[in-house]
C-alpha atoms as a PDB file:
ATOM      1  CA  LEU A   1       0.194   0.172  -0.134  1.00  0.00           C
ATOM      2  CA  HIS A   2       2.733   2.433   0.878  1.00  0.00           C
ATOM      3  CA  MET A   3       4.508   1.666  -2.631  1.00  0.00           C
ATOM      4  CA  GLY A   4       1.449   2.181  -4.367  1.00  0.00           C
ATOM      5  CA  LYS A   5       0.488   5.241  -2.942  1.00  0.00           C
ATOM      6  CA  THR A   6       4.083   6.645  -3.082  1.00  0.00           C
ATOM      7  CA  MET A   7       4.346   5.497  -6.775  1.00  0.00           C
ATOM      8  CA  LYS A   8       0.919   7.109  -7.768  1.00  0.00           C
ATOM      9  CA  GLU A   9       1.416  10.495  -5.811  1.00  0.00           C
ATOM     10  CA  ASP A  10       5.215  10.715  -7.272  1.00  0.00           C
ATOM     11  CA  LEU A  11       4.144   9.987 -10.761  1.00  0.00           C
ATOM     12  CA  THR A  12       1.506  12.687 -10.554  1.00  0.00           C
ATOM     13  CA  VAL A  13       3.936  15.363  -9.363  1.00  0.00           C
ATOM     14  CA  VAL A  14       6.141  14.212 -12.506  1.00  0.00           C
ATOM     15  CA  ALA A  15       3.274  14.316 -15.189  1.00  0.00           C
ATOM     16  CA  LYS A  16       1.975  17.747 -13.636  1.00  0.00           C
ATOM     17  CA  HIS A  17       4.931  19.691 -13.024  1.00  0.00           C
ATOM     18  CA  ILE A  18       8.500  18.034 -13.639  1.00  0.00           C
ATOM     19  CA  LYS A  19       8.258  16.446 -17.414  1.00  0.00           C
ATOM     20  CA  GLN A  20       7.655  19.731 -19.201  1.00  0.00           C
ATOM     21  CA  LEU A  21      11.051  21.074 -17.274  1.00  0.00           C
ATOM     22  CA  TYR A  22      13.030  18.858 -19.566  1.00  0.00           C
ATOM     23  CA  PRO A  23      13.373  18.383 -23.639  1.00  0.00           C
ATOM     24  CA  ALA A  24      10.520  15.851 -24.773  1.00  0.00           C
ATOM     25  CA  GLU A  25      13.236  13.534 -25.998  1.00  0.00           C
ATOM     26  CA  PHE A  26      14.609  13.077 -22.454  1.00  0.00           C
ATOM     27  CA  ASN A  27      11.358  10.958 -21.843  1.00  0.00           C
ATOM     28  CA  VAL A  28      11.434  12.054 -18.115  1.00  0.00           C
ATOM     29  CA  PHE A  29       7.930  10.503 -17.337  1.00  0.00           C
ATOM     30  CA  SER A  30       8.842   7.185 -18.700  1.00  0.00           C
ATOM     31  CA  THR A  31      11.918   6.997 -17.013  1.00  0.00           C
ATOM     32  CA  TYR A  32      10.416   7.564 -13.615  1.00  0.00           C
ATOM     33  CA  ALA A  33       7.707   5.045 -14.344  1.00  0.00           C
ATOM     34  CA  GLU A  34       9.898   2.352 -15.381  1.00  0.00           C
ATOM     35  CA  LEU A  35      11.847   2.632 -12.163  1.00  0.00           C
ATOM     36  CA  TYR A  36       8.978   2.900  -9.827  1.00  0.00           C
ATOM     37  CA  HIS A  37       7.547  -0.134 -11.840  1.00  0.00           C
ATOM     38  CA  ASN A  38      10.463  -2.173 -11.846  1.00  0.00           C
ATOM     39  CA  TYR A  39      11.292  -1.676  -7.991  1.00  0.00           C
ATOM     40  CA  PHE A  40       7.694  -2.364  -7.333  1.00  0.00           C
ATOM     41  CA  ALA A  41       7.656  -5.611  -9.448  1.00  0.00           C
ATOM     42  CA  SER A  42      10.763  -6.699  -7.546  1.00  0.00           C
ATOM     43  CA  GLN A  43       9.237  -6.771  -4.470  1.00  0.00           C
ATOM     44  CA  ALA A  44       5.996  -8.205  -5.362  1.00  0.00           C
ATOM     45  CA  LYS A  45       8.022 -11.180  -7.117  1.00  0.00           C
ATOM     46  CA  LYS A  46      10.003 -11.280  -3.875  1.00  0.00           C
ATOM     47  CA  ASN A  47       6.869 -11.628  -1.739  1.00  0.00           C
ATOM     48  CA  ALA A  48       5.431 -13.862  -4.247  1.00  0.00           C
ATOM     49  CA  GLU A  49       8.167 -16.450  -3.636  1.00  0.00           C
ATOM     50  CA  SER A  50       8.043 -16.261  -0.119  1.00  0.00           C
ATOM     51  CA  HIS A  51       5.868 -17.959   2.347  1.00  0.00           C
ATOM     52  CA  LEU A  52       2.371 -16.208   2.469  1.00  0.00           C
ATOM     53  CA  GLU A  53      -0.842 -16.553   4.168  1.00  0.00           C
ATOM     54  CA  ASP A  54      -3.947 -16.973   2.356  1.00  0.00           C
ATOM     55  CA  LYS A  55      -5.181 -13.383   3.244  1.00  0.00           C
ATOM     56  CA  ASP A  56      -1.699 -12.289   1.822  1.00  0.00           C
ATOM     57  CA  ILE A  57      -2.146 -14.061  -1.298  1.00  0.00           C
ATOM     58  CA  TYR A  58      -5.404 -12.777  -1.838  1.00  0.00           C
ATOM     59  CA  LEU A  59      -4.287  -9.270  -1.226  1.00  0.00           C
ATOM     60  CA  LEU A  60      -1.131  -9.800  -3.815  1.00  0.00           C
ATOM     61  CA  LEU A  61      -3.193 -11.124  -6.478  1.00  0.00           C
ATOM     62  CA  SER A  62      -5.653  -8.247  -5.879  1.00  0.00           C
ATOM     63  CA  TRP A  63      -2.688  -5.843  -6.728  1.00  0.00           C
ATOM     64  CA  VAL A  64      -1.606  -7.862  -9.763  1.00  0.00           C
ATOM     65  CA  HIS A  65      -4.935  -8.108 -11.312  1.00  0.00           C
ATOM     66  CA  ASN A  66      -6.893  -5.252  -9.985  1.00  0.00           C
ATOM     67  CA  PHE A  67      -5.523  -2.316  -7.676  1.00  0.00           C
ATOM     68  CA  TYR A  68      -2.134  -1.783 -10.062  1.00  0.00           C
ATOM     69  CA  PRO A  69      -3.631  -2.027 -13.349  1.00  0.00           C
ATOM     70  CA  LYS A  70      -6.997  -0.296 -12.573  1.00  0.00           C
ATOM     71  CA  ASP A  71      -6.776   1.956  -9.519  1.00  0.00           C
ATOM     72  CA  MET A  72      -3.176   3.355 -10.497  1.00  0.00           C
ATOM     73  CA  ARG A  73      -2.808   2.872 -13.897  1.00  0.00           C
ATOM     74  CA  GLN A  74      -6.151   4.076 -14.996  1.00  0.00           C
ATOM     75  CA  ASP A  75      -5.864   6.934 -12.960  1.00  0.00           C
ATOM     76  CA  HIS A  76      -7.380  10.074 -14.893  1.00  0.00           C
ATOM     77  CA  VAL A  77      -3.864  12.308 -14.574  1.00  0.00           C
ATOM     78  CA  LEU A  78      -1.646   9.173 -15.239  1.00  0.00           C
ATOM     79  CA  ALA A  79      -3.631   6.745 -17.794  1.00  0.00           C
ATOM     80  CA  LYS A  80      -2.591   8.811 -21.016  1.00  0.00           C
ATOM     81  CA  GLU A  81       1.194   9.146 -20.097  1.00  0.00           C
ATOM     82  CA  LEU A  82       1.386   5.287 -18.921  1.00  0.00           C
ATOM     83  CA  GLU A  83      -0.193   4.386 -21.910  1.00  0.00           C
ATOM     84  CA  LYS A  84       2.882   5.343 -23.951  1.00  0.00           C
ATOM     85  CA  VAL A  85       5.366   3.299 -21.363  1.00  0.00           C
ATOM     86  CA  LYS A  86       4.093  -0.161 -21.799  1.00  0.00           C
ATOM     87  CA  LEU A  87       4.778  -1.488 -17.977  1.00  0.00           C
ATOM     88  CA  GLY A  88       3.580  -4.763 -18.186  1.00  0.00           C
ATOM     89  CA  SER A  89       2.442  -6.877 -15.217  1.00  0.00           C
ATOM     90  CA  LEU A  90       3.583  -6.470 -11.276  1.00  0.00           C
ATOM     91  CA  LEU A  91       4.547 -10.505 -11.668  1.00  0.00           C
ATOM     92  CA  PRO A  92       5.371 -12.899 -14.441  1.00  0.00           C
ATOM     93  CA  SER A  93       2.425 -15.078 -15.800  1.00  0.00           C
ATOM     94  CA  SER A  94       4.125 -18.062 -14.547  1.00  0.00           C
ATOM     95  CA  LEU A  95       4.420 -16.828 -10.817  1.00  0.00           C
ATOM     96  CA  SER A  96       0.666 -15.107 -10.990  1.00  0.00           C
ATOM     97  CA  LYS A  97      -0.780 -18.756 -12.055  1.00  0.00           C
ATOM     98  CA  ASP A  98       0.877 -20.385  -9.020  1.00  0.00           C
ATOM     99  CA  LEU A  99      -0.634 -17.921  -6.838  1.00  0.00           C
ATOM    100  CA  GLU A 100      -3.888 -18.175  -8.395  1.00  0.00           C
ATOM    101  CA  LYS A 101      -3.972 -21.993  -8.047  1.00  0.00           C
ATOM    102  CA  LYS A 102      -2.930 -21.706  -4.214  1.00  0.00           C
ATOM    103  CA  TYR A 103      -5.738 -19.363  -3.843  1.00  0.00           C
ATOM    104  CA  LEU A 104      -8.315 -21.447  -5.477  1.00  0.00           C
ATOM    105  CA  ASP A 105      -7.315 -24.673  -3.793  1.00  0.00           C
ATOM    106  CA  SER A 106      -7.397 -22.925  -0.358  1.00  0.00           C
ATOM    107  CA  GLU A 107     -10.570 -21.164  -1.150  1.00  0.00           C
ATOM    108  CA  GLU A 108     -12.205 -24.374  -2.383  1.00  0.00           C
ATOM    109  CA  ALA A 109     -10.962 -26.149   0.609  1.00  0.00           C
ATOM    110  CA  THR A 110     -12.199 -23.740   3.108  1.00  0.00           C
ATOM    111  CA  ILE A 111     -15.792 -23.293   1.403  1.00  0.00           C
ATOM    112  CA  LYS A 112     -16.123 -27.292   1.381  1.00  0.00           C
ATOM    113  CA  LYS A 113     -14.906 -27.432   5.214  1.00  0.00           C
ATOM    114  CA  SER A 114     -17.444 -24.727   6.021  1.00  0.00           C
ATOM    115  CA  LEU A 115     -20.412 -26.626   4.360  1.00  0.00           C
ATOM    116  CA  THR A 116     -19.463 -29.908   6.002  1.00  0.00           C
ATOM    117  CA  LYS A 117     -19.408 -28.364   9.304  1.00  0.00           C
ATOM    118  CA  CYS A 118     -22.762 -26.642   8.696  1.00  0.00           C
ATOM    119  CA  LEU A 119     -24.446 -30.017   7.784  1.00  0.00           C
ATOM    120  CA  ASP A 120     -22.871 -31.695  10.865  1.00  0.00           C
ATOM    121  CA  LYS A 121     -24.419 -28.657  13.219  1.00  0.00           C
ATOM    122  CA  GLU A 122     -27.581 -29.316  11.289  1.00  0.00           C
ATOM    123  CA  ILE A 123     -27.798 -33.121  11.718  1.00  0.00           C
ATOM    124  CA  GLN A 124     -26.884 -32.632  15.480  1.00  0.00           C
ATOM    125  CA  ARG A 125     -30.059 -30.624  16.001  1.00  0.00           C
ATOM    126  CA  TRP A 126     -32.069 -33.614  14.483  1.00  0.00           C
ATOM    127  CA  LYS A 127     -30.542 -35.860  16.745  1.00  0.00           C
ATOM    128  CA  GLU A 128     -31.170 -33.585  19.761  1.00  0.00           C
ATOM    129  CA  ASP A 129     -34.829 -33.293  18.647  1.00  0.00           C
ATOM    130  CA  GLN A 130     -34.860 -29.730  18.549  1.00  0.00           C
ATOM    131  CA  GLU A 131     -37.823 -27.862  17.485  1.00  0.00           C
ATOM    132  CA  PRO A 132     -37.136 -26.155  13.736  1.00  0.00           C
ATOM    133  CA  GLU A 133     -37.172 -22.190  13.630  1.00  0.00           C
ATOM    134  CA  LYS A 134     -40.523 -20.669  12.389  1.00  0.00           C
ATOM    135  CA  LEU A 135     -40.673 -18.061   9.581  1.00  0.00           C
ATOM    136  CA  ASN A 136     -43.688 -16.326   8.915  1.00  0.00           C
ATOM    137  CA  GLY A 137     -45.602 -19.283  10.291  1.00  0.00           C
ATOM    138  CA  HIS A 138     -43.787 -22.011   8.652  1.00  0.00           C
ATOM    139  CA  PHE A 139     -41.182 -24.181   9.673  1.00  0.00           C
ATOM    140  CA  GLN A 140     -37.675 -23.489   8.168  1.00  0.00           C
ATOM    141  CA  SER A 141     -34.466 -25.198   8.517  1.00  0.00           C
ATOM    142  CA  GLU A 142     -33.313 -21.719   7.042  1.00  0.00           C
ATOM    143  CA  LEU A 143     -29.807 -21.501   8.362  1.00  0.00           C
ATOM    144  CA  LEU A 144     -28.350 -24.235   6.560  1.00  0.00           C
ATOM    145  CA  ALA A 145     -29.696 -23.107   3.147  1.00  0.00           C
ATOM    146  CA  ILE A 146     -28.913 -19.503   3.814  1.00  0.00           C
ATOM    147  CA  PHE A 147     -25.403 -20.444   5.188  1.00  0.00           C
ATOM    148  CA  VAL A 148     -24.769 -22.825   2.077  1.00  0.00           C
ATOM    149  CA  ILE A 149     -25.916 -20.239  -0.550  1.00  0.00           C
ATOM    150  CA  GLN A 150     -24.148 -17.245   0.976  1.00  0.00           C
ATOM    151  CA  SER A 151     -20.755 -19.197   1.474  1.00  0.00           C
ATOM    152  CA  ILE A 152     -20.923 -20.276  -2.127  1.00  0.00           C
ATOM    153  CA  TYR A 153     -21.821 -16.613  -3.659  1.00  0.00           C
ATOM    154  CA  SER A 154     -19.366 -14.804  -1.363  1.00  0.00           C
ATOM    155  CA  GLY A 155     -16.813 -17.077  -2.484  1.00  0.00           C
ATOM    156  CA  GLN A 156     -17.414 -16.416  -6.008  1.00  0.00           C
ATOM    157  CA  THR A 157     -17.856 -12.666  -5.167  1.00  0.00           C
ATOM    158  CA  ARG A 158     -14.198 -12.484  -3.380  1.00  0.00           C
ATOM    159  CA  ALA A 159     -12.551 -14.401  -6.623  1.00  0.00           C
ATOM    160  CA  LYS A 160     -14.390 -12.110  -9.428  1.00  0.00           C
ATOM    161  CA  GLU A 161     -12.913  -9.003  -7.396  1.00  0.00           C
ATOM    162  CA  ILE A 162      -9.432 -10.631  -8.356  1.00  0.00           C
ATOM    163  CA  SER A 163     -10.255 -11.255 -11.879  1.00  0.00           C
ATOM    164  CA  ALA A 164     -13.203 -12.484 -14.236  1.00  0.00           C
ATOM    165  CA  SER A 165     -11.174 -15.494 -14.805  1.00  0.00           C
ATOM    166  CA  VAL A 166     -10.390 -16.433 -11.186  1.00  0.00           C
ATOM    167  CA  GLY A 167     -14.213 -16.217 -10.531  1.00  0.00           C
ATOM    168  CA  GLU A 168     -15.072 -18.352 -13.362  1.00  0.00           C
ATOM    169  CA  GLU A 169     -12.496 -21.051 -12.230  1.00  0.00           C
ATOM    170  CA  LEU A 170     -13.887 -21.052  -8.649  1.00  0.00           C
ATOM    171  CA  SER A 171     -17.349 -21.155  -9.651  1.00  0.00           C
ATOM    172  CA  HIS A 172     -16.517 -23.992 -11.834  1.00  0.00           C
ATOM    173  CA  ARG A 173     -14.972 -25.852  -8.797  1.00  0.00           C
ATOM    174  CA  LEU A 174     -17.983 -24.780  -6.589  1.00  0.00           C
ATOM    175  CA  TRP A 175     -20.474 -26.155  -8.591  1.00  0.00           C
ATOM    176  CA  LYS A 176     -18.820 -29.553  -8.435  1.00  0.00           C
ATOM    177  CA  GLU A 177     -18.875 -29.071  -4.685  1.00  0.00           C
ATOM    178  CA  LEU A 178     -22.435 -28.277  -4.378  1.00  0.00           C
ATOM    179  CA  PRO A 179     -24.023 -31.387  -5.826  1.00  0.00           C
ATOM    180  CA  ALA A 180     -21.778 -33.523  -3.441  1.00  0.00           C
ATOM    181  CA  PHE A 181     -22.951 -31.269  -0.536  1.00  0.00           C
ATOM    182  CA  LEU A 182     -26.701 -31.798  -1.335  1.00  0.00           C
ATOM    183  CA  LYS A 183     -26.073 -35.741  -1.759  1.00  0.00           C
ATOM    184  CA  SER A 184     -24.392 -35.829   2.002  1.00  0.00           C
ATOM    185  CA  TYR A 185     -27.505 -33.555   2.880  1.00  0.00           C
ATOM    186  CA  LYS A 186     -30.030 -35.848   1.042  1.00  0.00           C
ATOM    187  CA  ASP A 187     -28.267 -39.340   2.487  1.00  0.00           C
ATOM    188  CA  ALA A 188     -28.282 -37.632   6.044  1.00  0.00           C
ATOM    189  CA  PHE A 189     -31.896 -36.699   5.835  1.00  0.00           C
ATOM    190  CA  GLU A 190     -32.715 -40.151   4.443  1.00  0.00           C
ATOM    191  CA  ASP A 191     -31.270 -41.458   7.476  1.00  0.00           C
ATOM    192  CA  PHE A 192     -32.904 -39.239   9.802  1.00  0.00           C
ATOM    193  CA  LYS A 193     -36.454 -40.205   8.305  1.00  0.00           C
ATOM    194  CA  GLU A 194     -35.755 -43.731   9.087  1.00  0.00           C
ATOM    195  CA  LYS A 195     -34.450 -43.789  12.159  1.00  0.00           C
ATOM    196  CA  SER A 196     -36.054 -40.733  14.073  1.00  0.00           C
ATOM    197  CA  LYS A 197     -39.809 -41.393  13.679  1.00  0.00           C
ATOM    198  CA  LYS A 198     -40.449 -41.437  17.435  1.00  0.00           C
ATOM    199  CA  HIS A 199     -38.915 -38.026  18.014  1.00  0.00           C
ATOM    200  CA  ARG A 200     -41.247 -35.567  19.210  1.00  0.00           C
ATOM    201  CA  TYR A 201     -40.310 -32.909  16.444  1.00  0.00           C
ATOM    202  CA  TYR A 202     -40.054 -35.597  13.736  1.00  0.00           C
ATOM    203  CA  LYS A 203     -42.812 -33.918  11.746  1.00  0.00           C
ATOM    204  CA  PRO A 204     -41.700 -30.315  11.815  1.00  0.00           C
ATOM    205  CA  THR A 205     -38.389 -31.312  11.002  1.00  0.00           C
ATOM    206  CA  LEU A 206     -39.635 -33.092   8.048  1.00  0.00           C
ATOM    207  CA  ILE A 207     -41.419 -30.179   6.701  1.00  0.00           C
ATOM    208  CA  ALA A 208     -38.669 -27.781   7.735  1.00  0.00           C
ATOM    209  CA  ASN A 209     -36.297 -29.745   5.600  1.00  0.00           C
ATOM    210  CA  ILE A 210     -38.801 -29.920   2.512  1.00  0.00           C
ATOM    211  CA  ASN A 211     -39.011 -26.013   2.618  1.00  0.00           C
ATOM    212  CA  ASN A 212     -35.238 -25.987   2.227  1.00  0.00           C
ATOM    213  CA  CYS A 213     -35.481 -27.550  -1.132  1.00  0.00           C
ATOM    214  CA  TRP A 214     -37.153 -24.005  -2.347  1.00  0.00           C
ATOM    215  CA  ASN A 215     -34.110 -21.911  -1.255  1.00  0.00           C
ATOM    216  CA  PHE A 216     -31.790 -24.474  -2.671  1.00  0.00           C
ATOM    217  CA  ARG A 217     -33.369 -24.665  -6.194  1.00  0.00           C
END
């Protein structure tokens, strides 16, 4: 953040006040821009090659795909000047792809784990014979459906904020996970129906889970 802010502010000063003090053939703005970019890129590469936590990978990818090419290089003062320089990306393509894979693997595993944990909690509620919640007078097992849908949607949204291609790849992966989750849910529910007929809240639990189907659809 400090490097990005410094580069943007300094290049703005060069564009507005310094370049016109030199002959055009000196290419003063290009020289400044290339030097700043090369240093920024070297630091980004150094960070990318070190051990990064998941949140750091996300932040670095956001800089590579989003903040740097859009927020900085499309700035209304700098965009026209930077078009002439052709600075390239902050990271080599191969290194960026490696980070994207790490991010996608981690995000997919995290969402899959959270869905499993949520289903386990729901099954535990059935076993403990707890009365389902009511919404507008109807039994709902609403927490499960809402949590699953929001987890997938928020994961897709975060990925799309990095880049459209990363968002598409995560969506593709999650649409494989969702049927697997729904099958686990169905199997657990079928088991409950067979073994828990003497539960006090057996019928309300059936109704609540049938109502879930609409949300999942």
